[in-house]
Protein backbone atom coordinates (compact mmCIF):
# COMPACT_ATOMS: atom_id res chain seq x y z
CA MET A 1 -2.10 21.27 -4.73
CA HIS A 2 -4.14 19.07 -3.57
CA PHE A 3 -2.54 16.33 -5.74
CA ILE A 4 0.79 16.89 -4.43
CA TRP A 5 -1.13 16.23 -0.91
CA PHE A 6 -2.94 13.24 -2.43
CA LEU A 7 0.63 11.96 -2.89
CA ILE A 8 1.62 12.28 0.41
CA VAL A 9 -0.76 11.01 2.39
CA GLY A 10 -0.63 7.84 -0.20
CA ALA A 11 3.32 7.24 1.08
CA VAL A 12 1.97 7.51 4.43
CA VAL A 13 -0.49 5.11 3.78
CA GLY A 14 1.78 3.24 2.09
CA LEU A 15 4.24 3.11 4.78
CA LEU A 16 1.75 2.47 7.70
CA GLY A 17 0.39 -0.84 5.17
CA ARG A 18 3.92 -2.45 5.46
CA LEU A 19 4.56 -1.03 8.82
CA LEU A 20 1.20 -2.70 10.21
CA HIS A 21 1.85 -6.23 8.06
CA PRO A 22 4.07 -8.36 9.83
CA GLY A 23 6.69 -10.04 8.26
CA ARG A 24 9.33 -8.91 5.44
CA ASP A 25 7.80 -7.29 2.33
CA PRO A 26 10.15 -7.33 -1.05
CA MET A 27 9.75 -4.26 -2.64
CA GLY A 28 10.91 -0.54 -3.07
CA LEU A 29 9.93 2.10 -2.12
CA LEU A 30 8.39 3.55 -5.61
CA LEU A 31 5.86 0.31 -4.92
CA THR A 32 5.13 1.25 -1.56
CA LEU A 33 4.08 4.99 -2.96
CA ALA A 34 1.97 2.92 -5.68
CA ILE A 35 0.41 0.63 -2.87
CA GLY A 36 -0.66 3.74 -0.85
CA ILE A 37 -1.77 6.00 -3.66
CA VAL A 38 -4.21 2.64 -5.21
CA SER A 39 -4.94 2.17 -1.57
CA MET A 40 -6.40 5.89 -1.30
CA LEU A 41 -8.02 6.02 -4.47
CA VAL A 42 -10.06 3.13 -3.51
CA ALA A 43 -10.96 4.24 0.18
CA ALA A 44 -11.70 7.83 -2.02
CA LEU A 45 -14.42 6.18 -4.18
CA ILE A 46 -15.31 4.47 -0.44
CA SER A 47 -15.73 7.38 1.87
CA SER A 48 -14.23 10.82 2.82
CA GLY A 49 -12.83 12.17 5.59
CA TRP A 50 -10.92 10.32 8.36
CA LEU A 51 -12.17 6.99 7.54
CA ALA A 52 -11.14 7.60 4.35
CA PHE A 53 -7.45 7.33 5.82
CA ILE A 54 -8.21 4.12 8.40
CA ILE A 55 -10.28 2.45 4.91
CA GLY A 56 -6.97 3.58 2.94
CA VAL A 57 -5.06 2.11 5.30
CA ILE A 58 -6.86 -1.20 5.65
CA VAL A 59 -7.20 -1.78 1.47
CA ALA A 60 -3.10 -0.65 1.99
CA VAL A 61 -2.20 -3.76 4.22
CA ILE A 62 -4.09 -6.21 1.84
CA LEU A 63 -1.90 -5.12 -0.88
CA VAL A 64 1.30 -5.29 0.59
CA ALA A 65 0.32 -8.48 1.79
CA LEU A 66 -1.09 -9.59 -1.14
CA VAL A 67 2.30 -8.11 -3.62
CA GLY A 68 4.54 -9.74 -0.99
CA ARG A 69 3.20 -13.01 -1.88
CA PHE A 70 3.12 -13.22 -5.44
CA ALA A 71 7.26 -11.64 -5.39
CA GLY A 72 7.77 -14.43 -2.92
CA ARG A 73 6.53 -17.20 -5.28
CA ARG A 74 8.10 -15.29 -8.35
CA GLY A 75 11.37 -14.91 -6.44
CA SER A 76 10.93 -18.59 -5.34
CA LEU A 77 10.62 -19.53 -8.44
CA ALA A 78 13.46 -18.02 -9.86
CA ARG A 79 16.05 -19.30 -7.29
CA ALA A 80 15.27 -22.67 -8.01
């Protein structure tokens, strides 16, 4: 049950990360879920409780920005 709860919270964190990042994000739902789960893993290593949730959202925004930047470069190279 803890694993399922972690997936749900990870999805929420990933969606919040995409929501708080301005601009378009070239990623689907599975990548958003993966970003949220990775963010929560990083946050769980740093802290616990609500502070971990807030840290997870901040990490998710950073990861969404990084994925968007690298996916944008890859897409522009494929079009050229």
